[in-house]
Amino acid sequence: MDEREQAERLSTELADWLDGLGLLPHLAEAGLPTVERTAAGQAIWRDRDGMPLTPERLRELETELRGQGEDPAHAVPVGLLQVARRAETRARLLASPTHDHASLAAVRGTSENATRFAVTKAGNERRMLVVPSPEGGGAVLVPAFQLGEDGGVREELLAVLEPLLAAGGDPFAVWAWLTQPAALLGGQVPEQAAADTDEHDLVVTAAIHLGERLRATPR
């Protein structure tokens, strides 16, 4: 088998491996070369500049991807896996109830412009979790879990949101922590535990500690 045939075989093997792990869609976000398939199913790897990988660069990529763990044959590219998990978490969060300015205005019984101003002000003052909308263009979403029936932020969450938002981290990471079981709270869901007067101070303390970690995380 000559070098070209070896490279073609390695290209396909790497692509099939990552495809089986469900990681192919996340290569670009992880800063890695991407893959396209020919009509015959052959995998073509391209660097971020669009140029096909040389056989040498392809072997370097294999080493990079399989360099995690004690057994390279079964190693999983940890960094890429983390990117994929973040994407899955974000998709799950976006599938949960949210409001845009128009729908929140309807709940509050105010104009859309007034609601847009109020949301922007509350977000800037760290009194509301506001996340970027997948639509882009500066559009935002307001996760509904933090709101009461009148469309205002639940009073018991204000002291929890402030240290998290002050840290300036990924708003999706804050959203995820607030809405899923947290180790710091013995498996309780923070936004639910905050409504319990016996647990509220513990949730605030956990939020402060998480905020400190987020602030210390390199960006």
C-alpha atoms as a PDB file:
ATOM      1  CA  MET A   1       0.000   0.000   0.000  1.00  0.00           C
ATOM      2  CA  ASP A   2       1.555   3.320  -1.083  1.00  0.00           C
ATOM      3  CA  GLU A   3       1.425   6.580   0.900  1.00  0.00           C
ATOM      4  CA  ARG A   4      -1.621   7.903  -0.966  1.00  0.00           C
ATOM      5  CA  GLU A   5      -3.619   4.748  -0.268  1.00  0.00           C
ATOM      6  CA  GLN A   6      -2.533   4.783   3.379  1.00  0.00           C
ATOM      7  CA  ALA A   7      -3.658   8.400   3.695  1.00  0.00           C
ATOM      8  CA  GLU A   8      -7.037   7.630   2.098  1.00  0.00           C
ATOM      9  CA  ARG A   9      -7.548   4.710   4.453  1.00  0.00           C
ATOM     10  CA  LEU A  10      -6.568   6.775   7.499  1.00  0.00           C
ATOM     11  CA  SER A  11      -8.855   9.628   6.394  1.00  0.00           C
ATOM     12  CA  THR A  12     -11.843   7.331   6.269  1.00  0.00           C
ATOM     13  CA  GLU A  13     -10.971   5.495   9.476  1.00  0.00           C
ATOM     14  CA  LEU A  14     -10.694   8.754  11.436  1.00  0.00           C
ATOM     15  CA  ALA A  15     -13.925  10.090   9.979  1.00  0.00           C
ATOM     16  CA  ASP A  16     -15.823   6.851  10.662  1.00  0.00           C
ATOM     17  CA  TRP A  17     -14.480   6.773  14.241  1.00  0.00           C
ATOM     18  CA  LEU A  18     -15.567  10.333  15.027  1.00  0.00           C
ATOM     19  CA  ASP A  19     -18.875   9.815  13.241  1.00  0.00           C
ATOM     20  CA  GLY A  20     -19.554   6.812  15.462  1.00  0.00           C
ATOM     21  CA  LEU A  21     -18.906   8.999  18.509  1.00  0.00           C
ATOM     22  CA  GLY A  22     -21.262  11.686  17.180  1.00  0.00           C
ATOM     23  CA  LEU A  23     -18.445  14.237  17.097  1.00  0.00           C
ATOM     24  CA  LEU A  24     -18.118  15.131  13.402  1.00  0.00           C
ATOM     25  CA  PRO A  25     -20.478  18.152  13.570  1.00  0.00           C
ATOM     26  CA  HIS A  26     -18.330  19.756  16.286  1.00  0.00           C
ATOM     27  CA  LEU A  27     -14.911  19.726  14.627  1.00  0.00           C
ATOM     28  CA  ALA A  28     -14.959  23.343  13.430  1.00  0.00           C
ATOM     29  CA  GLU A  29     -16.072  24.706  16.806  1.00  0.00           C
ATOM     30  CA  ALA A  30     -13.194  22.830  18.428  1.00  0.00           C
ATOM     31  CA  GLY A  31     -10.758  24.477  16.019  1.00  0.00           C
ATOM     32  CA  LEU A  32      -9.971  21.221  14.218  1.00  0.00           C
ATOM     33  CA  PRO A  33      -9.886  20.288  10.526  1.00  0.00           C
ATOM     34  CA  THR A  34     -13.258  19.304   9.073  1.00  0.00           C
ATOM     35  CA  VAL A  35     -14.422  16.429   6.886  1.00  0.00           C
ATOM     36  CA  GLU A  36     -16.422  16.151   3.706  1.00  0.00           C
ATOM     37  CA  ARG A  37     -17.427  12.930   1.977  1.00  0.00           C
ATOM     38  CA  THR A  38     -17.161  12.139  -1.709  1.00  0.00           C
ATOM     39  CA  ALA A  39     -19.981  10.374  -3.542  1.00  0.00           C
ATOM     40  CA  ALA A  40     -18.040   7.140  -3.031  1.00  0.00           C
ATOM     41  CA  GLY A  41     -17.881   7.722   0.730  1.00  0.00           C
ATOM     42  CA  GLN A  42     -14.198   8.685   0.832  1.00  0.00           C
ATOM     43  CA  ALA A  43     -13.426  11.183   3.604  1.00  0.00           C
ATOM     44  CA  ILE A  44     -11.606  14.356   2.612  1.00  0.00           C
ATOM     45  CA  TRP A  45     -10.086  16.269   5.523  1.00  0.00           C
ATOM     46  CA  ARG A  46      -9.574  20.007   5.125  1.00  0.00           C
ATOM     47  CA  ASP A  47      -7.700  22.449   7.313  1.00  0.00           C
ATOM     48  CA  ARG A  48      -9.330  25.656   8.476  1.00  0.00           C
ATOM     49  CA  ASP A  49      -8.019  27.436   5.363  1.00  0.00           C
ATOM     50  CA  GLY A  50      -9.916  24.950   3.195  1.00  0.00           C
ATOM     51  CA  MET A  51      -6.818  23.141   1.940  1.00  0.00           C
ATOM     52  CA  PRO A  52      -6.786  19.311   1.999  1.00  0.00           C
ATOM     53  CA  LEU A  53      -4.571  17.825   4.699  1.00  0.00           C
ATOM     54  CA  THR A  54      -1.259  16.397   3.610  1.00  0.00           C
ATOM     55  CA  PRO A  55      -0.539  12.794   4.661  1.00  0.00           C
ATOM     56  CA  GLU A  56       1.898  14.149   7.276  1.00  0.00           C
ATOM     57  CA  ARG A  57      -0.684  16.563   8.704  1.00  0.00           C
ATOM     58  CA  LEU A  58      -3.271  13.766   8.719  1.00  0.00           C
ATOM     59  CA  ARG A  59      -0.989  11.575  10.830  1.00  0.00           C
ATOM     60  CA  GLU A  60      -0.419  14.516  13.200  1.00  0.00           C
ATOM     61  CA  LEU A  61      -4.184  14.910  13.492  1.00  0.00           C
ATOM     62  CA  GLU A  62      -4.593  11.231  14.338  1.00  0.00           C
ATOM     63  CA  THR A  63      -1.995  11.559  17.096  1.00  0.00           C
ATOM     64  CA  GLU A  64      -3.741  14.671  18.406  1.00  0.00           C
ATOM     65  CA  LEU A  65      -7.170  13.039  18.445  1.00  0.00           C
ATOM     66  CA  ARG A  66      -6.045   9.724  19.896  1.00  0.00           C
ATOM     67  CA  GLY A  67      -3.586  11.187  22.383  1.00  0.00           C
ATOM     68  CA  GLN A  68      -5.977  11.025  25.348  1.00  0.00           C
ATOM     69  CA  GLY A  69      -5.971   8.088  27.744  1.00  0.00           C
ATOM     70  CA  GLU A  70      -3.687   5.130  28.273  1.00  0.00           C
ATOM     71  CA  ASP A  71      -4.874   3.161  25.249  1.00  0.00           C
ATOM     72  CA  PRO A  72      -4.628   5.292  22.070  1.00  0.00           C
ATOM     73  CA  ALA A  73      -6.651   2.751  20.101  1.00  0.00           C
ATOM     74  CA  HIS A  74      -9.707   3.477  22.218  1.00  0.00           C
ATOM     75  CA  ALA A  75      -8.953   7.022  23.366  1.00  0.00           C
ATOM     76  CA  VAL A  76     -11.572   9.724  23.018  1.00  0.00           C
ATOM     77  CA  PRO A  77     -10.575  13.292  22.099  1.00  0.00           C
ATOM     78  CA  VAL A  78     -11.562  14.949  25.379  1.00  0.00           C
ATOM     79  CA  GLY A  79     -11.548  18.535  24.132  1.00  0.00           C
ATOM     80  CA  LEU A  80     -13.780  17.653  21.190  1.00  0.00           C
ATOM     81  CA  LEU A  81     -16.079  15.657  23.453  1.00  0.00           C
ATOM     82  CA  GLN A  82     -16.437  18.684  25.730  1.00  0.00           C
ATOM     83  CA  VAL A  83     -17.400  20.860  22.763  1.00  0.00           C
ATOM     84  CA  ALA A  84     -20.021  18.295  21.736  1.00  0.00           C
ATOM     85  CA  ARG A  85     -21.462  18.125  25.249  1.00  0.00           C
ATOM     86  CA  ARG A  86     -21.698  21.911  25.448  1.00  0.00           C
ATOM     87  CA  ALA A  87     -23.565  21.914  22.136  1.00  0.00           C
ATOM     88  CA  GLU A  88     -25.953  19.220  23.359  1.00  0.00           C
ATOM     89  CA  THR A  89     -26.559  21.103  26.606  1.00  0.00           C
ATOM     90  CA  ARG A  90     -27.235  24.336  24.730  1.00  0.00           C
ATOM     91  CA  ALA A  91     -29.721  22.590  22.434  1.00  0.00           C
ATOM     92  CA  ARG A  92     -31.528  21.108  25.441  1.00  0.00           C
ATOM     93  CA  LEU A  93     -31.734  24.481  27.165  1.00  0.00           C
ATOM     94  CA  LEU A  94     -33.006  26.227  24.051  1.00  0.00           C
ATOM     95  CA  ALA A  95     -35.728  23.588  23.763  1.00  0.00           C
ATOM     96  CA  SER A  96     -37.036  24.527  27.230  1.00  0.00           C
ATOM     97  CA  PRO A  97     -39.525  27.401  27.728  1.00  0.00           C
ATOM     98  CA  THR A  98     -38.124  30.839  26.874  1.00  0.00           C
ATOM     99  CA  HIS A  99     -39.443  34.280  26.009  1.00  0.00           C
ATOM    100  CA  ASP A 100     -38.461  36.824  23.432  1.00  0.00           C
ATOM    101  CA  HIS A 101     -39.407  40.470  23.920  1.00  0.00           C
ATOM    102  CA  ALA A 102     -42.782  40.046  22.236  1.00  0.00           C
ATOM    103  CA  SER A 103     -43.926  37.016  24.230  1.00  0.00           C
ATOM    104  CA  LEU A 104     -42.691  38.462  27.514  1.00  0.00           C
ATOM    105  CA  ALA A 105     -44.487  41.726  26.745  1.00  0.00           C
ATOM    106  CA  ALA A 106     -47.702  39.742  26.333  1.00  0.00           C
ATOM    107  CA  VAL A 107     -47.207  38.098  29.743  1.00  0.00           C
ATOM    108  CA  ARG A 108     -46.433  41.424  31.398  1.00  0.00           C
ATOM    109  CA  GLY A 109     -49.168  43.356  29.628  1.00  0.00           C
ATOM    110  CA  THR A 110     -46.724  46.001  28.441  1.00  0.00           C
ATOM    111  CA  SER A 111     -45.449  47.192  25.084  1.00  0.00           C
ATOM    112  CA  GLU A 112     -42.651  45.349  23.336  1.00  0.00           C
ATOM    113  CA  ASN A 113     -40.430  48.440  23.469  1.00  0.00           C
ATOM    114  CA  ALA A 114     -40.995  48.844  27.203  1.00  0.00           C
ATOM    115  CA  THR A 115     -40.214  45.164  27.740  1.00  0.00           C
ATOM    116  CA  ARG A 116     -37.050  45.376  25.635  1.00  0.00           C
ATOM    117  CA  PHE A 117     -35.854  48.304  27.752  1.00  0.00           C
ATOM    118  CA  ALA A 118     -36.724  46.508  31.006  1.00  0.00           C
ATOM    119  CA  VAL A 119     -34.976  43.275  29.953  1.00  0.00           C
ATOM    120  CA  THR A 120     -31.839  45.140  28.893  1.00  0.00           C
ATOM    121  CA  LYS A 121     -31.787  47.081  32.164  1.00  0.00           C
ATOM    122  CA  ALA A 122     -32.356  43.989  34.309  1.00  0.00           C
ATOM    123  CA  GLY A 123     -29.657  42.078  32.442  1.00  0.00           C
ATOM    124  CA  ASN A 124     -27.145  44.903  32.841  1.00  0.00           C
ATOM    125  CA  GLU A 125     -27.950  45.125  36.550  1.00  0.00           C
ATOM    126  CA  ARG A 126     -27.514  41.352  36.922  1.00  0.00           C
ATOM    127  CA  ARG A 127     -31.115  40.852  37.973  1.00  0.00           C
ATOM    128  CA  MET A 128     -32.119  38.644  35.021  1.00  0.00           C
ATOM    129  CA  LEU A 129     -30.459  35.893  33.012  1.00  0.00           C
ATOM    130  CA  VAL A 130     -30.553  36.907  29.352  1.00  0.00           C
ATOM    131  CA  VAL A 131     -29.008  34.689  26.662  1.00  0.00           C
ATOM    132  CA  PRO A 132     -28.189  35.246  22.981  1.00  0.00           C
ATOM    133  CA  SER A 133     -30.813  33.934  20.586  1.00  0.00           C
ATOM    134  CA  PRO A 134     -29.790  31.426  17.875  1.00  0.00           C
ATOM    135  CA  GLU A 135     -31.388  33.874  15.427  1.00  0.00           C
ATOM    136  CA  GLY A 136     -28.432  36.207  15.930  1.00  0.00           C
ATOM    137  CA  GLY A 137     -28.570  39.870  15.045  1.00  0.00           C
ATOM    138  CA  GLY A 138     -28.472  40.870  18.695  1.00  0.00           C
ATOM    139  CA  ALA A 139     -31.733  39.068  19.508  1.00  0.00           C
ATOM    140  CA  VAL A 140     -31.995  37.617  23.012  1.00  0.00           C
ATOM    141  CA  LEU A 141     -34.035  35.070  24.931  1.00  0.00           C
ATOM    142  CA  VAL A 142     -35.185  35.119  28.546  1.00  0.00           C
ATOM    143  CA  PRO A 143     -35.290  31.624  30.113  1.00  0.00           C
ATOM    144  CA  ALA A 144     -38.760  31.210  31.618  1.00  0.00           C
ATOM    145  CA  PHE A 145     -37.727  29.211  34.708  1.00  0.00           C
ATOM    146  CA  GLN A 146     -36.592  32.411  36.452  1.00  0.00           C
ATOM    147  CA  LEU A 147     -39.913  34.219  36.000  1.00  0.00           C
ATOM    148  CA  GLY A 148     -43.064  34.340  38.067  1.00  0.00           C
ATOM    149  CA  GLU A 149     -46.592  34.358  36.683  1.00  0.00           C
ATOM    150  CA  ASP A 150     -46.447  38.131  36.176  1.00  0.00           C
ATOM    151  CA  GLY A 151     -43.306  37.879  34.037  1.00  0.00           C
ATOM    152  CA  GLY A 152     -41.044  39.352  36.701  1.00  0.00           C
ATOM    153  CA  VAL A 153     -37.936  37.625  38.028  1.00  0.00           C
ATOM    154  CA  ARG A 154     -38.703  35.465  41.040  1.00  0.00           C
ATOM    155  CA  GLU A 155     -37.660  37.324  44.187  1.00  0.00           C
ATOM    156  CA  GLU A 156     -35.835  34.334  45.661  1.00  0.00           C
ATOM    157  CA  LEU A 157     -33.564  34.087  42.615  1.00  0.00           C
ATOM    158  CA  LEU A 158     -32.220  37.649  42.684  1.00  0.00           C
ATOM    159  CA  ALA A 159     -29.485  36.900  45.232  1.00  0.00           C
ATOM    160  CA  VAL A 160     -28.619  33.722  43.329  1.00  0.00           C
ATOM    161  CA  LEU A 161     -28.376  35.361  39.915  1.00  0.00           C
ATOM    162  CA  GLU A 162     -26.227  38.321  40.964  1.00  0.00           C
ATOM    163  CA  PRO A 163     -22.940  36.506  41.782  1.00  0.00           C
ATOM    164  CA  LEU A 164     -23.306  34.217  38.790  1.00  0.00           C
ATOM    165  CA  LEU A 165     -23.917  37.025  36.310  1.00  0.00           C
ATOM    166  CA  ALA A 166     -21.271  39.245  37.913  1.00  0.00           C
ATOM    167  CA  ALA A 167     -18.678  36.608  37.036  1.00  0.00           C
ATOM    168  CA  GLY A 168     -19.199  37.374  33.359  1.00  0.00           C
ATOM    169  CA  GLY A 169     -19.108  33.741  32.245  1.00  0.00           C
ATOM    170  CA  ASP A 170     -21.066  31.915  29.578  1.00  0.00           C
ATOM    171  CA  PRO A 171     -24.775  32.602  30.229  1.00  0.00           C
ATOM    172  CA  PHE A 172     -25.590  29.100  28.991  1.00  0.00           C
ATOM    173  CA  ALA A 173     -23.324  27.659  31.692  1.00  0.00           C
ATOM    174  CA  VAL A 174     -25.243  29.685  34.294  1.00  0.00           C
ATOM    175  CA  TRP A 175     -28.543  28.518  32.827  1.00  0.00           C
ATOM    176  CA  ALA A 176     -27.420  24.892  32.901  1.00  0.00           C
ATOM    177  CA  TRP A 177     -26.226  25.077  36.513  1.00  0.00           C
ATOM    178  CA  LEU A 178     -29.436  26.669  37.719  1.00  0.00           C
ATOM    179  CA  THR A 179     -31.707  24.099  36.083  1.00  0.00           C
ATOM    180  CA  GLN A 180     -30.028  20.743  36.667  1.00  0.00           C
ATOM    181  CA  PRO A 181     -28.971  18.829  39.793  1.00  0.00           C
ATOM    182  CA  ALA A 182     -25.914  20.443  41.394  1.00  0.00           C
ATOM    183  CA  ALA A 183     -23.264  18.574  43.363  1.00  0.00           C
ATOM    184  CA  LEU A 184     -22.773  21.575  45.654  1.00  0.00           C
ATOM    185  CA  LEU A 185     -26.412  21.194  46.711  1.00  0.00           C
ATOM    186  CA  GLY A 186     -26.456  17.451  47.208  1.00  0.00           C
ATOM    187  CA  GLY A 187     -28.162  16.858  43.863  1.00  0.00           C
ATOM    188  CA  GLN A 188     -30.879  19.483  44.266  1.00  0.00           C
ATOM    189  CA  VAL A 189     -31.798  21.748  41.334  1.00  0.00           C
ATOM    190  CA  PRO A 190     -30.677  25.276  42.352  1.00  0.00           C
ATOM    191  CA  GLU A 191     -33.615  27.246  40.967  1.00  0.00           C
ATOM    192  CA  GLN A 192     -36.032  24.903  42.748  1.00  0.00           C
ATOM    193  CA  ALA A 193     -34.097  24.734  46.010  1.00  0.00           C
ATOM    194  CA  ALA A 194     -33.955  28.542  46.130  1.00  0.00           C
ATOM    195  CA  ALA A 195     -37.723  28.604  46.661  1.00  0.00           C
ATOM    196  CA  ASP A 196     -37.291  26.652  49.915  1.00  0.00           C
ATOM    197  CA  THR A 197     -36.601  29.089  52.759  1.00  0.00           C
ATOM    198  CA  ASP A 198     -34.537  26.428  54.535  1.00  0.00           C
ATOM    199  CA  GLU A 199     -32.306  25.949  51.487  1.00  0.00           C
ATOM    200  CA  HIS A 200     -32.171  29.474  50.082  1.00  0.00           C
ATOM    201  CA  ASP A 201     -28.997  30.626  51.859  1.00  0.00           C
ATOM    202  CA  LEU A 202     -27.214  27.421  50.835  1.00  0.00           C
ATOM    203  CA  VAL A 203     -28.121  28.040  47.182  1.00  0.00           C
ATOM    204  CA  VAL A 204     -26.819  31.620  47.403  1.00  0.00           C
ATOM    205  CA  THR A 205     -23.551  30.381  48.920  1.00  0.00           C
ATOM    206  CA  ALA A 206     -23.175  27.773  46.171  1.00  0.00           C
ATOM    207  CA  ALA A 207     -23.822  30.458  43.544  1.00  0.00           C
ATOM    208  CA  ILE A 208     -21.140  32.672  45.079  1.00  0.00           C
ATOM    209  CA  HIS A 209     -18.619  29.834  44.994  1.00  0.00           C
ATOM    210  CA  LEU A 210     -19.498  28.994  41.390  1.00  0.00           C
ATOM    211  CA  GLY A 211     -19.215  32.662  40.453  1.00  0.00           C
ATOM    212  CA  GLU A 212     -15.709  32.756  41.912  1.00  0.00           C
ATOM    213  CA  ARG A 213     -14.730  29.716  39.853  1.00  0.00           C
ATOM    214  CA  LEU A 214     -16.200  31.208  36.689  1.00  0.00           C
ATOM    215  CA  ARG A 215     -14.315  34.436  37.303  1.00  0.00           C
ATOM    216  CA  ALA A 216     -11.069  32.533  37.703  1.00  0.00           C
ATOM    217  CA  THR A 217     -11.577  30.490  34.512  1.00  0.00           C
ATOM    218  CA  PRO A 218      -9.419  31.734  31.598  1.00  0.00           C
ATOM    219  CA  ARG A 219     -11.469  32.951  28.620  1.00  0.00           C
END
